[in-house]
Amino acid sequence: EAPVLFCFVARPDRDAPGWKLVAATREATGASLTE
């Protein structure tokens, strides 16, 4: 909706609570996501 860039930096720890952000980002931004 706006010129906002979210950049999440993480270790590949898929069991950590913060990993939900990675999964949610993939779902919310789709083609706008750069991994």
PDB file of all heavy atoms in Angstrom:
ATOM      1  N   GLU A   1       0.793  -1.226   0.000  1.00  0.00           N
ATOM      2  CA  GLU A   1       0.000   0.000   0.000  1.00  0.00           C
ATOM      3  C   GLU A   1       0.827   1.279   0.000  1.00  0.00           C
ATOM      4  O   GLU A   1       0.317   2.348  -0.355  1.00  0.00           O
ATOM      5  CB  GLU A   1      -0.906   0.008   1.248  1.00  0.00           C
ATOM      6  CG  GLU A   1      -1.814  -1.208   1.371  1.00  0.00           C
ATOM      7  CD  GLU A   1      -2.395  -1.344   2.766  1.00  0.00           C
ATOM      8  OE1 GLU A   1      -2.200  -0.398   3.580  1.00  0.00           O
ATOM      9  OE2 GLU A   1      -3.033  -2.380   3.054  1.00  0.00           O
ATOM     10  N   ALA A   2       2.083   1.211   0.412  1.00  0.00           N
ATOM     11  CA  ALA A   2       2.898   2.421   0.584  1.00  0.00           C
ATOM     12  C   ALA A   2       4.356   2.080   0.276  1.00  0.00           C
ATOM     13  O   ALA A   2       4.733   0.908   0.247  1.00  0.00           O
ATOM     14  CB  ALA A   2       2.754   2.952   2.010  1.00  0.00           C
ATOM     15  N   PRO A   3       5.195   3.106   0.044  1.00  0.00           N
ATOM     16  CA  PRO A   3       6.628   2.851  -0.215  1.00  0.00           C
ATOM     17  C   PRO A   3       7.368   2.458   1.062  1.00  0.00           C
ATOM     18  O   PRO A   3       8.171   3.206   1.612  1.00  0.00           O
ATOM     19  CB  PRO A   3       7.121   4.185  -0.774  1.00  0.00           C
ATOM     20  CG  PRO A   3       6.210   5.203  -0.183  1.00  0.00           C
ATOM     21  CD  PRO A   3       4.868   4.545  -0.088  1.00  0.00           C
ATOM     22  N   VAL A   4       7.056   1.253   1.532  1.00  0.00           N
ATOM     23  CA  VAL A   4       7.670   0.686   2.731  1.00  0.00           C
ATOM     24  C   VAL A   4       8.327  -0.625   2.337  1.00  0.00           C
ATOM     25  O   VAL A   4       7.711  -1.475   1.685  1.00  0.00           O
ATOM     26  CB  VAL A   4       6.639   0.451   3.850  1.00  0.00           C
ATOM     27  CG1 VAL A   4       7.316  -0.177   5.069  1.00  0.00           C
ATOM     28  CG2 VAL A   4       5.940   1.742   4.231  1.00  0.00           C
ATOM     29  N   LEU A   5       9.577  -0.798   2.730  1.00  0.00           N
ATOM     30  CA  LEU A   5      10.314  -2.026   2.465  1.00  0.00           C
ATOM     31  C   LEU A   5      10.631  -2.699   3.797  1.00  0.00           C
ATOM     32  O   LEU A   5      11.332  -2.147   4.640  1.00  0.00           O
ATOM     33  CB  LEU A   5      11.616  -1.718   1.712  1.00  0.00           C
ATOM     34  CG  LEU A   5      12.657  -2.838   1.585  1.00  0.00           C
ATOM     35  CD1 LEU A   5      12.064  -4.085   0.954  1.00  0.00           C
ATOM     36  CD2 LEU A   5      13.856  -2.351   0.787  1.00  0.00           C
ATOM     37  N   PHE A   6      10.072  -3.890   3.994  1.00  0.00           N
ATOM     38  CA  PHE A   6      10.393  -4.696   5.163  1.00  0.00           C
ATOM     39  C   PHE A   6      11.526  -5.643   4.786  1.00  0.00           C
ATOM     40  O   PHE A   6      11.414  -6.383   3.800  1.00  0.00           O
ATOM     41  CB  PHE A   6       9.184  -5.520   5.605  1.00  0.00           C
ATOM     42  CG  PHE A   6       8.062  -4.725   6.194  1.00  0.00           C
ATOM     43  CD1 PHE A   6       7.047  -4.214   5.385  1.00  0.00           C
ATOM     44  CD2 PHE A   6       8.001  -4.488   7.558  1.00  0.00           C
ATOM     45  CE1 PHE A   6       5.998  -3.491   5.928  1.00  0.00           C
ATOM     46  CE2 PHE A   6       6.959  -3.764   8.117  1.00  0.00           C
ATOM     47  CZ  PHE A   6       5.950  -3.261   7.293  1.00  0.00           C
ATOM     48  N   CYS A   7      12.585  -5.644   5.566  1.00  0.00           N
ATOM     49  CA  CYS A   7      13.702  -6.551   5.329  1.00  0.00           C
ATOM     50  C   CYS A   7      13.948  -7.353   6.603  1.00  0.00           C
ATOM     51  O   CYS A   7      14.333  -6.793   7.641  1.00  0.00           O
ATOM     52  CB  CYS A   7      14.968  -5.794   4.937  1.00  0.00           C
ATOM     53  SG  CYS A   7      16.398  -6.863   4.658  1.00  0.00           S
ATOM     54  N   PHE A   8      13.710  -8.657   6.535  1.00  0.00           N
ATOM     55  CA  PHE A   8      13.898  -9.540   7.682  1.00  0.00           C
ATOM     56  C   PHE A   8      15.197 -10.319   7.515  1.00  0.00           C
ATOM     57  O   PHE A   8      15.441 -10.923   6.466  1.00  0.00           O
ATOM     58  CB  PHE A   8      12.724 -10.502   7.811  1.00  0.00           C
ATOM     59  CG  PHE A   8      11.403  -9.810   8.018  1.00  0.00           C
ATOM     60  CD1 PHE A   8      10.452  -9.771   7.010  1.00  0.00           C
ATOM     61  CD2 PHE A   8      11.121  -9.185   9.219  1.00  0.00           C
ATOM     62  CE1 PHE A   8       9.242  -9.134   7.191  1.00  0.00           C
ATOM     63  CE2 PHE A   8       9.914  -8.532   9.418  1.00  0.00           C
ATOM     64  CZ  PHE A   8       8.968  -8.509   8.400  1.00  0.00           C
ATOM     65  N   VAL A   9      16.021 -10.298   8.553  1.00  0.00           N
ATOM     66  CA  VAL A   9      17.330 -10.964   8.530  1.00  0.00           C
ATOM     67  C   VAL A   9      17.306 -12.064   9.580  1.00  0.00           C
ATOM     68  O   VAL A   9      16.976 -11.817  10.742  1.00  0.00           O
ATOM     69  CB  VAL A   9      18.460  -9.964   8.819  1.00  0.00           C
ATOM     70  CG1 VAL A   9      19.817 -10.641   8.699  1.00  0.00           C
ATOM     71  CG2 VAL A   9      18.370  -8.763   7.876  1.00  0.00           C
ATOM     72  N   ALA A  10      17.654 -13.287   9.172  1.00  0.00           N
ATOM     73  CA  ALA A  10      17.498 -14.414  10.091  1.00  0.00           C
ATOM     74  C   ALA A  10      18.490 -15.515   9.804  1.00  0.00           C
ATOM     75  O   ALA A  10      19.020 -15.638   8.695  1.00  0.00           O
ATOM     76  CB  ALA A  10      16.076 -14.974   9.993  1.00  0.00           C
ATOM     77  N   ARG A  11      18.725 -16.325  10.822  1.00  0.00           N
ATOM     78  CA  ARG A  11      19.389 -17.606  10.636  1.00  0.00           C
ATOM     79  C   ARG A  11      18.327 -18.629  10.214  1.00  0.00           C
ATOM     80  O   ARG A  11      17.145 -18.449  10.526  1.00  0.00           O
ATOM     81  CB  ARG A  11      20.063 -18.054  11.935  1.00  0.00           C
ATOM     82  CG  ARG A  11      21.153 -17.111  12.410  1.00  0.00           C
ATOM     83  CD  ARG A  11      21.731 -17.566  13.747  1.00  0.00           C
ATOM     84  NE  ARG A  11      22.697 -16.591  14.263  1.00  0.00           N
ATOM     85  CZ  ARG A  11      23.292 -16.678  15.446  1.00  0.00           C
ATOM     86  NH1 ARG A  11      23.025 -17.714  16.234  1.00  0.00           N
ATOM     87  NH2 ARG A  11      24.141 -15.748  15.847  1.00  0.00           N
ATOM     88  N   PRO A  12      18.718 -19.695   9.550  1.00  0.00           N
ATOM     89  CA  PRO A  12      17.732 -20.667   9.070  1.00  0.00           C
ATOM     90  C   PRO A  12      17.220 -21.580  10.179  1.00  0.00           C
ATOM     91  O   PRO A  12      17.352 -22.811  10.122  1.00  0.00           O
ATOM     92  CB  PRO A  12      18.511 -21.450   8.007  1.00  0.00           C
ATOM     93  CG  PRO A  12      19.929 -21.359   8.447  1.00  0.00           C
ATOM     94  CD  PRO A  12      20.086 -19.998   9.071  1.00  0.00           C
ATOM     95  N   ASP A  13      16.617 -20.976  11.207  1.00  0.00           N
ATOM     96  CA  ASP A  13      16.076 -21.727  12.337  1.00  0.00           C
ATOM     97  C   ASP A  13      14.554 -21.749  12.199  1.00  0.00           C
ATOM     98  O   ASP A  13      13.848 -20.884  12.713  1.00  0.00           O
ATOM     99  CB  ASP A  13      16.499 -21.069  13.648  1.00  0.00           C
ATOM    100  CG  ASP A  13      16.118 -21.907  14.861  1.00  0.00           C
ATOM    101  OD1 ASP A  13      15.451 -22.940  14.671  1.00  0.00           O
ATOM    102  OD2 ASP A  13      16.477 -21.519  15.994  1.00  0.00           O
ATOM    103  N   ARG A  14      14.051 -22.738  11.504  1.00  0.00           N
ATOM    104  CA  ARG A  14      12.633 -22.781  11.154  1.00  0.00           C
ATOM    105  C   ARG A  14      11.723 -23.099  12.333  1.00  0.00           C
ATOM    106  O   ARG A  14      10.497 -22.980  12.223  1.00  0.00           O
ATOM    107  CB  ARG A  14      12.413 -23.780  10.007  1.00  0.00           C
ATOM    108  CG  ARG A  14      12.959 -23.263   8.697  1.00  0.00           C
ATOM    109  CD  ARG A  14      13.093 -24.346   7.641  1.00  0.00           C
ATOM    110  NE  ARG A  14      13.525 -23.780   6.362  1.00  0.00           N
ATOM    111  CZ  ARG A  14      14.779 -23.435   6.084  1.00  0.00           C
ATOM    112  NH1 ARG A  14      15.720 -23.585   7.014  1.00  0.00           N
ATOM    113  NH2 ARG A  14      15.091 -22.930   4.909  1.00  0.00           N
ATOM    114  N   ASP A  15      12.289 -23.514  13.450  1.00  0.00           N
ATOM    115  CA  ASP A  15      11.477 -23.801  14.631  1.00  0.00           C
ATOM    116  C   ASP A  15      11.336 -22.590  15.547  1.00  0.00           C
ATOM    117  O   ASP A  15      10.572 -22.639  16.517  1.00  0.00           O
ATOM    118  CB  ASP A  15      12.092 -24.965  15.421  1.00  0.00           C
ATOM    119  CG  ASP A  15      12.057 -26.270  14.642  1.00  0.00           C
ATOM    120  OD1 ASP A  15      11.102 -26.462  13.865  1.00  0.00           O
ATOM    121  OD2 ASP A  15      12.982 -27.089  14.804  1.00  0.00           O
ATOM    122  N   ALA A  16      12.056 -21.524  15.269  1.00  0.00           N
ATOM    123  CA  ALA A  16      11.995 -20.327  16.115  1.00  0.00           C
ATOM    124  C   ALA A  16      10.686 -19.579  15.866  1.00  0.00           C
ATOM    125  O   ALA A  16      10.171 -19.572  14.742  1.00  0.00           O
ATOM    126  CB  ALA A  16      13.179 -19.412  15.824  1.00  0.00           C
ATOM    127  N   PRO A  17      10.120 -18.928  16.906  1.00  0.00           N
ATOM    128  CA  PRO A  17       8.884 -18.154  16.717  1.00  0.00           C
ATOM    129  C   PRO A  17       9.011 -17.102  15.623  1.00  0.00           C
ATOM    130  O   PRO A  17       8.053 -16.838  14.887  1.00  0.00           O
ATOM    131  CB  PRO A  17       8.671 -17.517  18.098  1.00  0.00           C
ATOM    132  CG  PRO A  17       9.379 -18.404  19.059  1.00  0.00           C
ATOM    133  CD  PRO A  17      10.564 -18.933  18.317  1.00  0.00           C
ATOM    134  N   GLY A  18      10.195 -16.506  15.494  1.00  0.00           N
ATOM    135  CA  GLY A  18      10.380 -15.456  14.501  1.00  0.00           C
ATOM    136  C   GLY A  18      10.280 -15.940  13.064  1.00  0.00           C
ATOM    137  O   GLY A  18      10.073 -15.126  12.145  1.00  0.00           O
ATOM    138  N   TRP A  19      10.428 -17.263  12.869  1.00  0.00           N
ATOM    139  CA  TRP A  19      10.346 -17.775  11.499  1.00  0.00           C
ATOM    140  C   TRP A  19       8.945 -17.597  10.912  1.00  0.00           C
ATOM    141  O   TRP A  19       8.763 -17.616   9.694  1.00  0.00           O
ATOM    142  CB  TRP A  19      10.753 -19.244  11.468  1.00  0.00           C
ATOM    143  CG  TRP A  19      10.990 -19.736  10.070  1.00  0.00           C
ATOM    144  CD1 TRP A  19      10.140 -20.453   9.288  1.00  0.00           C
ATOM    145  CD2 TRP A  19      12.155 -19.503   9.267  1.00  0.00           C
ATOM    146  NE1 TRP A  19      10.698 -20.691   8.058  1.00  0.00           N
ATOM    147  CE2 TRP A  19      11.943 -20.122   8.017  1.00  0.00           C
ATOM    148  CE3 TRP A  19      13.363 -18.839   9.486  1.00  0.00           C
ATOM    149  CZ2 TRP A  19      12.881 -20.088   6.994  1.00  0.00           C
ATOM    150  CZ3 TRP A  19      14.308 -18.815   8.466  1.00  0.00           C
ATOM    151  CH2 TRP A  19      14.059 -19.424   7.238  1.00  0.00           C
ATOM    152  N   LYS A  20       7.947 -17.409  11.785  1.00  0.00           N
ATOM    153  CA  LYS A  20       6.596 -17.129  11.292  1.00  0.00           C
ATOM    154  C   LYS A  20       6.577 -15.882  10.425  1.00  0.00           C
ATOM    155  O   LYS A  20       5.750 -15.760   9.514  1.00  0.00           O
ATOM    156  CB  LYS A  20       5.639 -16.947  12.470  1.00  0.00           C
ATOM    157  CG  LYS A  20       5.338 -18.219  13.239  1.00  0.00           C
ATOM    158  CD  LYS A  20       4.582 -17.925  14.524  1.00  0.00           C
ATOM    159  CE  LYS A  20       3.275 -17.199  14.268  1.00  0.00           C
ATOM    160  NZ  LYS A  20       2.545 -16.938  15.533  1.00  0.00           N
ATOM    161  N   LEU A  21       7.488 -14.942  10.688  1.00  0.00           N
ATOM    162  CA  LEU A  21       7.558 -13.731   9.874  1.00  0.00           C
ATOM    163  C   LEU A  21       7.948 -14.049   8.439  1.00  0.00           C
ATOM    164  O   LEU A  21       7.456 -13.429   7.497  1.00  0.00           O
ATOM    165  CB  LEU A  21       8.562 -12.741  10.484  1.00  0.00           C
ATOM    166  CG  LEU A  21       8.054 -11.877  11.629  1.00  0.00           C
ATOM    167  CD1 LEU A  21       9.216 -11.150  12.289  1.00  0.00           C
ATOM    168  CD2 LEU A  21       7.020 -10.885  11.126  1.00  0.00           C
ATOM    169  N   VAL A  22       8.858 -15.005   8.283  1.00  0.00           N
ATOM    170  CA  VAL A  22       9.282 -15.377   6.931  1.00  0.00           C
ATOM    171  C   VAL A  22       8.112 -15.979   6.176  1.00  0.00           C
ATOM    172  O   VAL A  22       7.821 -15.609   5.027  1.00  0.00           O
ATOM    173  CB  VAL A  22      10.464 -16.362   6.990  1.00  0.00           C
ATOM    174  CG1 VAL A  22      10.847 -16.826   5.591  1.00  0.00           C
ATOM    175  CG2 VAL A  22      11.660 -15.721   7.690  1.00  0.00           C
ATOM    176  N   ALA A  23       7.400 -16.924   6.825  1.00  0.00           N
ATOM    177  CA  ALA A  23       6.260 -17.559   6.171  1.00  0.00           C
ATOM    178  C   ALA A  23       5.159 -16.547   5.872  1.00  0.00           C
ATOM    179  O   ALA A  23       4.565 -16.564   4.783  1.00  0.00           O
ATOM    180  CB  ALA A  23       5.724 -18.680   7.060  1.00  0.00           C
ATOM    181  N   ALA A  24       4.898 -15.637   6.817  1.00  0.00           N
ATOM    182  CA  ALA A  24       3.846 -14.646   6.605  1.00  0.00           C
ATOM    183  C   ALA A  24       4.225 -13.659   5.513  1.00  0.00           C
ATOM    184  O   ALA A  24       3.358 -13.198   4.751  1.00  0.00           O
ATOM    185  CB  ALA A  24       3.572 -13.903   7.914  1.00  0.00           C
ATOM    186  N   THR A  25       5.509 -13.324   5.418  1.00  0.00           N
ATOM    187  CA  THR A  25       5.959 -12.400   4.378  1.00  0.00           C
ATOM    188  C   THR A  25       5.770 -13.018   2.998  1.00  0.00           C
ATOM    189  O   THR A  25       5.343 -12.341   2.057  1.00  0.00           O
ATOM    190  CB  THR A  25       7.442 -12.038   4.599  1.00  0.00           C
ATOM    191  OG1 THR A  25       7.601 -11.480   5.899  1.00  0.00           O
ATOM    192  CG2 THR A  25       7.910 -11.027   3.568  1.00  0.00           C
ATOM    193  N   ARG A  26       6.073 -14.298   2.874  1.00  0.00           N
ATOM    194  CA  ARG A  26       5.873 -14.976   1.597  1.00  0.00           C
ATOM    195  C   ARG A  26       4.410 -14.936   1.188  1.00  0.00           C
ATOM    196  O   ARG A  26       4.072 -14.712   0.028  1.00  0.00           O
ATOM    197  CB  ARG A  26       6.347 -16.425   1.710  1.00  0.00           C
ATOM    198  CG  ARG A  26       7.855 -16.587   1.822  1.00  0.00           C
ATOM    199  CD  ARG A  26       8.229 -18.002   2.204  1.00  0.00           C
ATOM    200  NE  ARG A  26       9.679 -18.202   2.223  1.00  0.00           N
ATOM    201  CZ  ARG A  26      10.286 -19.212   2.843  1.00  0.00           C
ATOM    202  NH1 ARG A  26       9.553 -20.110   3.501  1.00  0.00           N
ATOM    203  NH2 ARG A  26      11.596 -19.326   2.820  1.00  0.00           N
ATOM    204  N   GLU A  27       3.525 -15.112   2.168  1.00  0.00           N
ATOM    205  CA  GLU A  27       2.098 -15.145   1.861  1.00  0.00           C
ATOM    206  C   GLU A  27       1.549 -13.749   1.574  1.00  0.00           C
ATOM    207  O   GLU A  27       0.728 -13.574   0.664  1.00  0.00           O
ATOM    208  CB  GLU A  27       1.339 -15.769   3.035  1.00  0.00           C
ATOM    209  CG  GLU A  27      -0.160 -15.880   2.811  1.00  0.00           C
ATOM    210  CD  GLU A  27      -0.866 -16.561   3.973  1.00  0.00           C
ATOM    211  OE1 GLU A  27      -0.170 -17.206   4.779  1.00  0.00           O
ATOM    212  OE2 GLU A  27      -2.095 -16.450   4.066  1.00  0.00           O
ATOM    213  N   ALA A  28       2.017 -12.742   2.316  1.00  0.00           N
ATOM    214  CA  ALA A  28       1.433 -11.401   2.209  1.00  0.00           C
ATOM    215  C   ALA A  28       1.932 -10.629   0.996  1.00  0.00           C
ATOM    216  O   ALA A  28       1.208  -9.811   0.426  1.00  0.00           O
ATOM    217  CB  ALA A  28       1.727 -10.605   3.486  1.00  0.00           C
ATOM    218  N   THR A  29       3.184 -10.868   0.599  1.00  0.00           N
ATOM    219  CA  THR A  29       3.774 -10.023  -0.447  1.00  0.00           C
ATOM    220  C   THR A  29       3.917 -10.720  -1.788  1.00  0.00           C
ATOM    221  O   THR A  29       4.044 -10.049  -2.815  1.00  0.00           O
ATOM    222  CB  THR A  29       5.152  -9.508  -0.002  1.00  0.00           C
ATOM    223  OG1 THR A  29       6.004 -10.611   0.301  1.00  0.00           O
ATOM    224  CG2 THR A  29       5.026  -8.638   1.244  1.00  0.00           C
ATOM    225  N   GLY A  30       3.922 -12.036  -1.822  1.00  0.00           N
ATOM    226  CA  GLY A  30       3.962 -12.755  -3.088  1.00  0.00           C
ATOM    227  C   GLY A  30       5.146 -12.377  -3.945  1.00  0.00           C
ATOM    228  O   GLY A  30       6.305 -12.488  -3.547  1.00  0.00           O
ATOM    229  N   ALA A  31       4.833 -11.886  -5.154  1.00  0.00           N
ATOM    230  CA  ALA A  31       5.886 -11.565  -6.120  1.00  0.00           C
ATOM    231  C   ALA A  31       6.730 -10.372  -5.693  1.00  0.00           C
ATOM    232  O   ALA A  31       7.801 -10.139  -6.258  1.00  0.00           O
ATOM    233  CB  ALA A  31       5.261 -11.293  -7.491  1.00  0.00           C
ATOM    234  N   SER A  32       6.247  -9.613  -4.704  1.00  0.00           N
ATOM    235  CA  SER A  32       7.016  -8.460  -4.235  1.00  0.00           C
ATOM    236  C   SER A  32       8.141  -8.854  -3.286  1.00  0.00           C
ATOM    237  O   SER A  32       8.912  -8.004  -2.848  1.00  0.00           O
ATOM    238  CB  SER A  32       6.084  -7.462  -3.530  1.00  0.00           C
ATOM    239  OG  SER A  32       5.095  -6.970  -4.411  1.00  0.00           O
ATOM    240  N   LEU A  33       8.234 -10.136  -2.953  1.00  0.00           N
ATOM    241  CA  LEU A  33       9.239 -10.601  -2.000  1.00  0.00           C
ATOM    242  C   LEU A  33      10.520 -11.008  -2.718  1.00  0.00           C
ATOM    243  O   LEU A  33      10.489 -11.697  -3.735  1.00  0.00           O
ATOM    244  CB  LEU A  33       8.698 -11.797  -1.209  1.00  0.00           C
ATOM    245  CG  LEU A  33       9.683 -12.492  -0.270  1.00  0.00           C
ATOM    246  CD1 LEU A  33      10.115 -11.568   0.851  1.00  0.00           C
ATOM    247  CD2 LEU A  33       9.065 -13.774   0.298  1.00  0.00           C
ATOM    248  N   THR A  34      11.637 -10.578  -2.166  1.00  0.00           N
ATOM    249  CA  THR A  34      12.953 -11.005  -2.629  1.00  0.00           C
ATOM    250  C   THR A  34      13.607 -11.835  -1.523  1.00  0.00           C
ATOM    251  O   THR A  34      13.775 -11.348  -0.405  1.00  0.00           O
ATOM    252  CB  THR A  34      13.845  -9.800  -2.970  1.00  0.00           C
ATOM    253  OG1 THR A  34      13.263  -9.076  -4.044  1.00  0.00           O
ATOM    254  CG2 THR A  34      15.245 -10.258  -3.366  1.00  0.00           C
ATOM    255  N   GLU A  35      13.940 -13.084  -1.813  1.00  0.00           N
ATOM    256  CA  GLU A  35      14.599 -13.941  -0.830  1.00  0.00           C
ATOM    257  C   GLU A  35      16.067 -14.113  -1.206  1.00  0.00           C
ATOM    258  O   GLU A  35      16.389 -14.451  -2.348  1.00  0.00           O
ATOM    259  CB  GLU A  35      13.918 -15.314  -0.764  1.00  0.00           C
ATOM    260  CG  GLU A  35      12.528 -15.269  -0.176  1.00  0.00           C
ATOM    261  CD  GLU A  35      12.031 -16.648   0.248  1.00  0.00           C
ATOM    262  OE1 GLU A  35      12.790 -17.356   0.952  1.00  0.00           O
ATOM    263  OE2 GLU A  35      10.909 -17.010  -0.132  1.00  0.00           O
TER     264      GLU A  35
END
